[in-house]
C-alpha atoms as a PDB file:
ATOM      1  CA  MET A   1       2.698 174.071-183.247  1.00  0.00           C
ATOM      2  CA  ASN A   2       6.056 172.868-184.349  1.00  0.00           C
ATOM      3  CA  ASP A   3       6.987 169.264-184.798  1.00  0.00           C
ATOM      4  CA  VAL A   4       9.252 167.521-182.375  1.00  0.00           C
ATOM      5  CA  VAL A   5      12.957 168.139-182.956  1.00  0.00           C
ATOM      6  CA  LYS A   6      14.988 165.079-183.841  1.00  0.00           C
ATOM      7  CA  GLN A   7      18.738 164.755-183.305  1.00  0.00           C
ATOM      8  CA  THR A   8      20.754 163.302-186.136  1.00  0.00           C
ATOM      9  CA  SER A   9      22.986 161.140-183.958  1.00  0.00           C
ATOM     10  CA  VAL A  10      22.059 157.556-183.133  1.00  0.00           C
ATOM     11  CA  PRO A  11      21.442 157.060-179.396  1.00  0.00           C
ATOM     12  CA  ASN A  12      23.986 155.208-177.323  1.00  0.00           C
ATOM     13  CA  ASN A  13      23.233 151.640-176.459  1.00  0.00           C
ATOM     14  CA  ASN A  14      23.087 152.427-172.752  1.00  0.00           C
ATOM     15  CA  LYS A  15      21.251 150.805-169.879  1.00  0.00           C
ATOM     16  CA  ASN A  16      18.517 153.419-169.754  1.00  0.00           C
ATOM     17  CA  PRO A  17      16.871 153.667-173.188  1.00  0.00           C
ATOM     18  CA  HIS A  18      13.918 155.490-171.615  1.00  0.00           C
ATOM     19  CA  LYS A  19      16.028 158.540-170.803  1.00  0.00           C
ATOM     20  CA  SER A  20      18.056 158.517-173.988  1.00  0.00           C
ATOM     21  CA  ASN A  21      14.848 158.464-175.999  1.00  0.00           C
ATOM     22  CA  SER A  22      13.169 161.268-174.092  1.00  0.00           C
ATOM     23  CA  LYS A  23      16.106 163.664-174.436  1.00  0.00           C
ATOM     24  CA  LYS A  24      15.892 163.594-178.202  1.00  0.00           C
ATOM     25  CA  ARG A  25      12.438 165.081-178.548  1.00  0.00           C
ATOM     26  CA  LYS A  26      12.456 168.714-177.490  1.00  0.00           C
ATOM     27  CA  PRO A  27       9.301 170.810-177.285  1.00  0.00           C
ATOM     28  CA  LYS A  28       9.188 174.407-178.354  1.00  0.00           C
ATOM     29  CA  GLU A  29       9.498 177.078-175.722  1.00  0.00           C
ATOM     30  CA  ILE A  30       6.331 178.310-174.082  1.00  0.00           C
ATOM     31  CA  GLY A  31       5.090 181.510-175.681  1.00  0.00           C
ATOM     32  CA  GLN A  32       6.478 180.752-179.115  1.00  0.00           C
ATOM     33  CA  GLU A  33       3.063 179.968-180.523  1.00  0.00           C
ATOM     34  CA  LEU A  34       3.139 179.206-184.228  1.00  0.00           C
ATOM     35  CA  GLU A  35       0.423 178.443-186.738  1.00  0.00           C
ATOM     36  CA  GLU A  36      -1.592 175.286-186.329  1.00  0.00           C
ATOM     37  CA  ASP A  37       0.484 172.168-186.784  1.00  0.00           C
ATOM     38  CA  PRO A  38       0.111 171.139-190.459  1.00  0.00           C
ATOM     39  CA  ARG A  39      -0.642 167.567-189.433  1.00  0.00           C
ATOM     40  CA  VAL A  40      -3.733 168.716-187.569  1.00  0.00           C
ATOM     41  CA  LYS A  41      -4.991 170.447-190.716  1.00  0.00           C
ATOM     42  CA  VAL A  42      -5.356 167.139-192.536  1.00  0.00           C
ATOM     43  CA  PHE A  43      -7.154 165.373-189.675  1.00  0.00           C
ATOM     44  CA  ARG A  44     -10.885 164.782-190.119  1.00  0.00           C
ATOM     45  CA  LYS A  45     -13.404 165.954-187.579  1.00  0.00           C
ATOM     46  CA  GLU A  46     -15.273 162.661-187.571  1.00  0.00           C
ATOM     47  CA  TRP A  47     -12.165 160.891-186.268  1.00  0.00           C
ATOM     48  CA  PHE A  48     -12.299 162.863-183.018  1.00  0.00           C
ATOM     49  CA  GLU A  49     -15.670 164.520-182.418  1.00  0.00           C
ATOM     50  CA  GLY A  50     -17.406 162.876-179.470  1.00  0.00           C
ATOM     51  CA  LYS A  51     -14.734 160.149-179.404  1.00  0.00           C
ATOM     52  CA  ASP A  52     -12.325 158.766-176.815  1.00  0.00           C
ATOM     53  CA  CYS A  53      -8.810 159.364-178.124  1.00  0.00           C
ATOM     54  CA  LEU A  54      -5.216 158.484-177.217  1.00  0.00           C
ATOM     55  CA  ASP A  55      -2.078 160.433-178.176  1.00  0.00           C
ATOM     56  CA  ILE A  56       1.079 158.306-177.885  1.00  0.00           C
ATOM     57  CA  GLY A  57       4.216 160.407-177.508  1.00  0.00           C
ATOM     58  CA  CYS A  58       2.302 163.600-176.759  1.00  0.00           C
ATOM     59  CA  ASN A  59       5.492 165.574-175.953  1.00  0.00           C
ATOM     60  CA  SER A  60       4.484 168.948-174.445  1.00  0.00           C
ATOM     61  CA  GLY A  61       0.778 168.295-175.077  1.00  0.00           C
ATOM     62  CA  LEU A  62       0.122 171.160-177.466  1.00  0.00           C
ATOM     63  CA  ILE A  63      -1.185 168.992-180.308  1.00  0.00           C
ATOM     64  CA  THR A  64      -3.236 166.954-177.837  1.00  0.00           C
ATOM     65  CA  ILE A  65      -4.873 170.095-176.479  1.00  0.00           C
ATOM     66  CA  ASN A  66      -5.419 171.529-179.958  1.00  0.00           C
ATOM     67  CA  ILE A  67      -7.147 168.335-181.097  1.00  0.00           C
ATOM     68  CA  ALA A  68      -9.480 168.488-178.099  1.00  0.00           C
ATOM     69  CA  LYS A  69     -10.324 172.158-178.707  1.00  0.00           C
ATOM     70  CA  LYS A  70     -10.747 171.945-182.464  1.00  0.00           C
ATOM     71  CA  PHE A  71     -12.651 168.675-182.762  1.00  0.00           C
ATOM     72  CA  SER A  72     -14.493 168.422-179.394  1.00  0.00           C
ATOM     73  CA  CYS A  73     -13.207 165.044-178.276  1.00  0.00           C
ATOM     74  CA  ARG A  74     -15.190 163.297-175.595  1.00  0.00           C
ATOM     75  CA  SER A  75     -11.865 162.545-173.928  1.00  0.00           C
ATOM     76  CA  ILE A  76      -8.214 162.523-174.949  1.00  0.00           C
ATOM     77  CA  LEU A  77      -5.288 161.086-173.014  1.00  0.00           C
ATOM     78  CA  GLY A  78      -1.723 162.080-173.888  1.00  0.00           C
ATOM     79  CA  VAL A  79       1.100 159.772-172.814  1.00  0.00           C
ATOM     80  CA  ASP A  80       4.844 160.290-173.036  1.00  0.00           C
ATOM     81  CA  ILE A  81       7.903 158.485-171.727  1.00  0.00           C
ATOM     82  CA  ASP A  82       9.497 161.724-170.457  1.00  0.00           C
ATOM     83  CA  THR A  83       8.340 163.026-167.075  1.00  0.00           C
ATOM     84  CA  ASP A  84       9.464 166.567-167.957  1.00  0.00           C
ATOM     85  CA  ARG A  85       7.287 166.582-171.060  1.00  0.00           C
ATOM     86  CA  ILE A  86       4.235 165.480-169.063  1.00  0.00           C
ATOM     87  CA  GLU A  87       4.852 168.215-166.496  1.00  0.00           C
ATOM     88  CA  GLU A  88       5.061 170.700-169.339  1.00  0.00           C
ATOM     89  CA  ALA A  89       1.884 169.311-170.921  1.00  0.00           C
ATOM     90  CA  TYR A  90      -0.051 169.918-167.701  1.00  0.00           C
ATOM     91  CA  TRP A  91       1.497 173.375-167.482  1.00  0.00           C
ATOM     92  CA  ASN A  92       0.377 174.135-171.051  1.00  0.00           C
ATOM     93  CA  LEU A  93      -3.137 172.891-170.319  1.00  0.00           C
ATOM     94  CA  ARG A  94      -3.414 175.136-167.287  1.00  0.00           C
ATOM     95  CA  ARG A  95      -2.063 178.083-169.239  1.00  0.00           C
ATOM     96  CA  ILE A  96      -4.424 177.612-172.203  1.00  0.00           C
ATOM     97  CA  VAL A  97      -7.461 177.183-169.944  1.00  0.00           C
ATOM     98  CA  ARG A  98      -6.432 180.280-168.013  1.00  0.00           C
ATOM     99  CA  GLU A  99      -5.998 182.349-171.178  1.00  0.00           C
ATOM    100  CA  SER A 100      -9.324 181.137-172.556  1.00  0.00           C
ATOM    101  CA  THR A 101     -11.222 182.297-169.482  1.00  0.00           C
ATOM    102  CA  SER A 102      -9.661 185.794-169.720  1.00  0.00           C
ATOM    103  CA  LYS A 103      -9.296 185.922-165.962  1.00  0.00           C
ATOM    104  CA  PRO A 104      -6.309 187.412-164.141  1.00  0.00           C
ATOM    105  CA  PRO A 105      -3.684 184.681-164.524  1.00  0.00           C
ATOM    106  CA  ALA A 106      -2.525 182.831-161.490  1.00  0.00           C
ATOM    107  CA  LYS A 107       1.162 182.037-161.395  1.00  0.00           C
ATOM    108  CA  ALA A 108       1.704 178.683-163.065  1.00  0.00           C
ATOM    109  CA  SER A 109       3.830 176.255-161.120  1.00  0.00           C
ATOM    110  CA  ARG A 110       5.469 173.351-162.862  1.00  0.00           C
ATOM    111  CA  LEU A 111       6.317 171.908-159.462  1.00  0.00           C
ATOM    112  CA  LYS A 112       2.622 171.773-158.627  1.00  0.00           C
ATOM    113  CA  ASP A 113       1.809 170.277-161.997  1.00  0.00           C
ATOM    114  CA  ALA A 114       4.469 167.634-161.438  1.00  0.00           C
ATOM    115  CA  LYS A 115       2.390 166.220-158.579  1.00  0.00           C
ATOM    116  CA  ALA A 116      -0.277 165.268-161.107  1.00  0.00           C
ATOM    117  CA  VAL A 117       2.155 163.201-163.152  1.00  0.00           C
ATOM    118  CA  GLU A 118       1.731 159.477-162.782  1.00  0.00           C
ATOM    119  CA  VAL A 119       5.066 157.732-163.085  1.00  0.00           C
ATOM    120  CA  SER A 120       3.821 154.158-163.274  1.00  0.00           C
ATOM    121  CA  ASP A 121       5.207 152.240-166.244  1.00  0.00           C
ATOM    122  CA  HIS A 122       2.319 149.809-166.281  1.00  0.00           C
ATOM    123  CA  CYS A 123      -1.010 151.572-166.600  1.00  0.00           C
ATOM    124  CA  VAL A 124      -1.435 153.615-169.791  1.00  0.00           C
ATOM    125  CA  THR A 125      -4.850 152.431-170.808  1.00  0.00           C
ATOM    126  CA  GLU A 126      -7.033 153.766-168.029  1.00  0.00           C
ATOM    127  CA  SER A 127      -7.935 157.308-168.991  1.00  0.00           C
ATOM    128  CA  PRO A 128      -8.677 159.496-165.946  1.00  0.00           C
ATOM    129  CA  THR A 129     -11.282 161.417-167.877  1.00  0.00           C
ATOM    130  CA  GLU A 130     -14.631 160.276-166.559  1.00  0.00           C
ATOM    131  CA  GLN A 131     -16.943 163.117-167.541  1.00  0.00           C
ATOM    132  CA  LYS A 132     -18.317 162.630-171.002  1.00  0.00           C
ATOM    133  CA  GLY A 133     -19.550 165.445-173.200  1.00  0.00           C
ATOM    134  CA  LYS A 134     -21.951 165.590-176.060  1.00  0.00           C
ATOM    135  CA  ALA A 135     -20.571 165.193-179.542  1.00  0.00           C
ATOM    136  CA  GLY A 136     -20.241 168.386-181.509  1.00  0.00           C
ATOM    137  CA  GLU A 137     -20.428 170.897-178.686  1.00  0.00           C
ATOM    138  CA  GLY A 138     -17.748 173.564-178.422  1.00  0.00           C
ATOM    139  CA  LEU A 139     -15.317 173.032-175.592  1.00  0.00           C
ATOM    140  CA  SER A 140     -15.370 175.634-172.861  1.00  0.00           C
ATOM    141  CA  PRO A 141     -12.188 176.030-170.802  1.00  0.00           C
ATOM    142  CA  CYS A 142     -13.830 173.990-168.058  1.00  0.00           C
ATOM    143  CA  ASN A 143     -14.672 171.195-170.477  1.00  0.00           C
ATOM    144  CA  LEU A 144     -11.153 171.288-171.842  1.00  0.00           C
ATOM    145  CA  SER A 145      -9.590 170.674-168.460  1.00  0.00           C
ATOM    146  CA  GLU A 146     -12.040 167.839-167.823  1.00  0.00           C
ATOM    147  CA  ARG A 147     -11.516 166.045-171.110  1.00  0.00           C
ATOM    148  CA  VAL A 148      -7.761 166.412-171.595  1.00  0.00           C
ATOM    149  CA  SER A 149      -5.394 164.459-169.390  1.00  0.00           C
ATOM    150  CA  PHE A 150      -1.763 163.381-169.487  1.00  0.00           C
ATOM    151  CA  ARG A 151       0.243 160.506-168.078  1.00  0.00           C
ATOM    152  CA  ARG A 152       3.901 159.594-167.932  1.00  0.00           C
ATOM    153  CA  GLU A 153       4.071 156.178-169.556  1.00  0.00           C
ATOM    154  CA  ASN A 154       6.389 153.803-171.356  1.00  0.00           C
ATOM    155  CA  PHE A 155       3.791 152.639-173.839  1.00  0.00           C
ATOM    156  CA  VAL A 156       5.931 149.889-175.350  1.00  0.00           C
ATOM    157  CA  GLN A 157       6.362 148.097-172.026  1.00  0.00           C
ATOM    158  CA  SER A 158       3.015 148.860-170.418  1.00  0.00           C
ATOM    159  CA  ARG A 159       0.136 146.478-169.845  1.00  0.00           C
ATOM    160  CA  ILE A 160      -3.157 146.685-171.704  1.00  0.00           C
ATOM    161  CA  SER A 161      -6.372 146.989-169.754  1.00  0.00           C
ATOM    162  CA  ASP A 162      -9.170 144.630-170.728  1.00  0.00           C
ATOM    163  CA  ASP A 163     -11.905 147.250-170.567  1.00  0.00           C
ATOM    164  CA  LYS A 164     -10.484 150.477-172.015  1.00  0.00           C
ATOM    165  CA  ARG A 165     -10.651 151.100-175.762  1.00  0.00           C
ATOM    166  CA  TYR A 166     -10.209 154.182-177.941  1.00  0.00           C
ATOM    167  CA  HIS A 167     -11.901 155.308-181.143  1.00  0.00           C
ATOM    168  CA  THR A 168      -8.812 157.135-182.442  1.00  0.00           C
ATOM    169  CA  ILE A 169      -5.131 156.694-181.553  1.00  0.00           C
ATOM    170  CA  MET A 170      -2.391 159.088-182.685  1.00  0.00           C
ATOM    171  CA  CYS A 171       1.316 158.227-182.790  1.00  0.00           C
ATOM    172  CA  LEU A 172       3.177 161.195-184.287  1.00  0.00           C
ATOM    173  CA  SER A 173       6.974 161.332-184.701  1.00  0.00           C
ATOM    174  CA  VAL A 174       7.445 158.433-182.299  1.00  0.00           C
ATOM    175  CA  THR A 175       8.054 155.228-184.274  1.00  0.00           C
ATOM    176  CA  LYS A 176      11.693 156.103-185.105  1.00  0.00           C
ATOM    177  CA  TRP A 177      12.685 156.370-181.464  1.00  0.00           C
ATOM    178  CA  ILE A 178      10.817 153.223-180.481  1.00  0.00           C
ATOM    179  CA  HIS A 179      12.526 151.371-183.326  1.00  0.00           C
ATOM    180  CA  LEU A 180      15.998 152.604-182.304  1.00  0.00           C
ATOM    181  CA  ASN A 181      15.559 151.803-178.612  1.00  0.00           C
ATOM    182  CA  TRP A 182      13.546 148.567-178.709  1.00  0.00           C
ATOM    183  CA  GLY A 183      14.239 147.260-182.195  1.00  0.00           C
ATOM    184  CA  ASP A 184      11.849 145.399-184.463  1.00  0.00           C
ATOM    185  CA  GLU A 185      10.191 143.664-181.532  1.00  0.00           C
ATOM    186  CA  GLY A 186       9.370 146.993-179.893  1.00  0.00           C
ATOM    187  CA  LEU A 187       7.873 148.339-183.097  1.00  0.00           C
ATOM    188  CA  ILE A 188       5.689 145.274-183.583  1.00  0.00           C
ATOM    189  CA  ASN A 189       4.660 145.484-179.928  1.00  0.00           C
ATOM    190  CA  LEU A 190       3.652 149.133-180.455  1.00  0.00           C
ATOM    191  CA  PHE A 191       1.457 148.373-183.460  1.00  0.00           C
ATOM    192  CA  THR A 192      -0.069 145.321-181.770  1.00  0.00           C
ATOM    193  CA  LYS A 193      -1.059 147.349-178.713  1.00  0.00           C
ATOM    194  CA  ILE A 194      -2.564 150.079-180.873  1.00  0.00           C
ATOM    195  CA  TRP A 195      -4.626 147.483-182.720  1.00  0.00           C
ATOM    196  CA  LYS A 196      -5.867 145.939-179.453  1.00  0.00           C
ATOM    197  CA  LEU A 197      -6.758 149.325-177.949  1.00  0.00           C
ATOM    198  CA  LEU A 198      -8.839 150.493-180.914  1.00  0.00           C
ATOM    199  CA  GLN A 199     -12.602 150.178-180.804  1.00  0.00           C
ATOM    200  CA  PRO A 200     -14.003 147.963-183.571  1.00  0.00           C
ATOM    201  CA  THR A 201     -15.398 150.092-186.382  1.00  0.00           C
ATOM    202  CA  ALA A 202     -19.114 149.672-186.914  1.00  0.00           C
ATOM    203  CA  LYS A 203     -19.915 151.020-190.360  1.00  0.00           C
ATOM    204  CA  ASN A 204     -23.537 151.869-191.103  1.00  0.00           C
ATOM    205  CA  ASN A 205     -24.286 151.513-194.820  1.00  0.00           C
ATOM    206  CA  TYR A 206     -28.048 151.975-194.587  1.00  0.00           C
ATOM    207  CA  ASN A 207     -28.124 155.514-195.990  1.00  0.00           C
ATOM    208  CA  THR A 208     -25.922 154.588-198.955  1.00  0.00           C
ATOM    209  CA  ILE A 209     -27.947 151.576-200.147  1.00  0.00           C
ATOM    210  CA  GLU A 210     -29.107 151.868-203.765  1.00  0.00           C
ATOM    211  CA  ILE A 211     -29.951 148.231-204.540  1.00  0.00           C
ATOM    212  CA  PHE A 212     -33.250 146.950-203.182  1.00  0.00           C
ATOM    213  CA  PRO A 213     -34.737 143.413-203.129  1.00  0.00           C
ATOM    214  CA  GLU A 214     -36.955 144.021-206.146  1.00  0.00           C
ATOM    215  CA  SER A 215     -33.790 144.558-208.200  1.00  0.00           C
ATOM    216  CA  PHE A 216     -32.025 141.367-207.123  1.00  0.00           C
ATOM    217  CA  GLN A 217     -33.417 139.277-209.980  1.00  0.00           C
ATOM    218  CA  ASP A 218     -32.318 141.701-212.702  1.00  0.00           C
ATOM    219  CA  ILE A 219     -28.868 142.094-211.180  1.00  0.00           C
ATOM    220  CA  LEU A 220     -28.311 138.338-210.931  1.00  0.00           C
ATOM    221  CA  LEU A 221     -29.397 137.809-214.534  1.00  0.00           C
ATOM    222  CA  ASP A 222     -27.944 140.872-216.272  1.00  0.00           C
ATOM    223  CA  LYS A 223     -24.820 141.696-214.220  1.00  0.00           C
ATOM    224  CA  ILE A 224     -23.823 138.503-212.438  1.00  0.00           C
ATOM    225  CA  GLY A 225     -24.542 136.188-215.399  1.00  0.00           C
ATOM    226  CA  PHE A 226     -27.161 133.668-214.257  1.00  0.00           C
ATOM    227  CA  ARG A 227     -29.158 132.457-217.270  1.00  0.00           C
ATOM    228  CA  LEU A 228     -32.466 131.395-215.735  1.00  0.00           C
ATOM    229  CA  VAL A 229     -34.595 132.246-212.719  1.00  0.00           C
ATOM    230  CA  GLU A 230     -37.788 130.726-211.335  1.00  0.00           C
ATOM    231  CA  ASP A 231     -39.955 132.060-208.523  1.00  0.00           C
ATOM    232  CA  ILE A 232     -40.829 128.948-206.536  1.00  0.00           C
ATOM    233  CA  SER A 233     -42.531 130.752-203.655  1.00  0.00           C
ATOM    234  CA  CYS A 234     -45.900 130.596-205.445  1.00  0.00           C
ATOM    235  CA  ASN A 235     -46.097 126.925-204.433  1.00  0.00           C
ATOM    236  CA  LEU A 236     -45.356 127.766-200.798  1.00  0.00           C
ATOM    237  CA  SER A 237     -48.252 127.301-198.387  1.00  0.00           C
ATOM    238  CA  GLY A 238     -48.668 127.674-194.658  1.00  0.00           C
ATOM    239  CA  SER A 239     -46.207 130.549-194.282  1.00  0.00           C
ATOM    240  CA  LYS A 240     -46.388 132.474-191.070  1.00  0.00           C
ATOM    241  CA  SER A 241     -47.713 136.014-191.141  1.00  0.00           C
ATOM    242  CA  GLY A 242     -44.966 138.506-191.968  1.00  0.00           C
ATOM    243  CA  PHE A 243     -42.808 135.885-193.642  1.00  0.00           C
ATOM    244  CA  GLN A 244     -44.229 135.944-197.150  1.00  0.00           C
ATOM    245  CA  ARG A 245     -40.901 136.447-198.895  1.00  0.00           C
ATOM    246  CA  PRO A 246     -40.054 135.356-202.440  1.00  0.00           C
ATOM    247  CA  ILE A 247     -37.860 132.311-202.963  1.00  0.00           C
ATOM    248  CA  LEU A 248     -35.965 132.486-206.230  1.00  0.00           C
ATOM    249  CA  ALA A 249     -34.107 129.589-207.862  1.00  0.00           C
ATOM    250  CA  PHE A 250     -31.296 130.520-210.249  1.00  0.00           C
ATOM    251  CA  TRP A 251     -29.475 128.437-212.851  1.00  0.00           C
ATOM    252  CA  LYS A 252     -25.982 129.124-214.113  1.00  0.00           C
END
């Protein structure tokens, strides 16, 4: 997949920044399939596998679809400010699913796909993908069409839902155009919304633990620098069952 094409001229300061922005990012023509986008090659599987993902500025949807196929996302929603790009993204999804099933292709209709495009400027965060898959399973064409969805959306000016969050959010080749059209405030608004929409990361360190309670005393004396330790729990009486834990007093 090729990257989006950027024009070198600065957009006019017109009354419709939405349209001026969308005209500057041109997708490649259908059928001109290239090697995998180099950006996808550096992505890690654990960022996407079994996760709910969001692709801001998805353009023609090819990277969005590739991410879903390669990493088995639980769901991925692609949003773009340009209605034509969203129509093309749905067209690409239909085409790729059709080719994957190796069935006689039905004639693709962009007009029909256009009916699926939601043009609301105020509802990016509700992903229409409801069916959840198991992490790690390969995506069949049916699963692909269930897990990948697209929506026409002005992300900068949209509202944030209170209940929808994503594990991974992509924003590729988009910040320049947001900065030019909405200035510093628009850029800050973009990053703030991304932060709010991300799921909190719960890191599990259990399997990496190498220091255990019996080593605490040696570490505090030898590595931390305490000079004296006394176990005062020997004088403890009346402890409840299951709560016989050492109490150590340290002196600096």
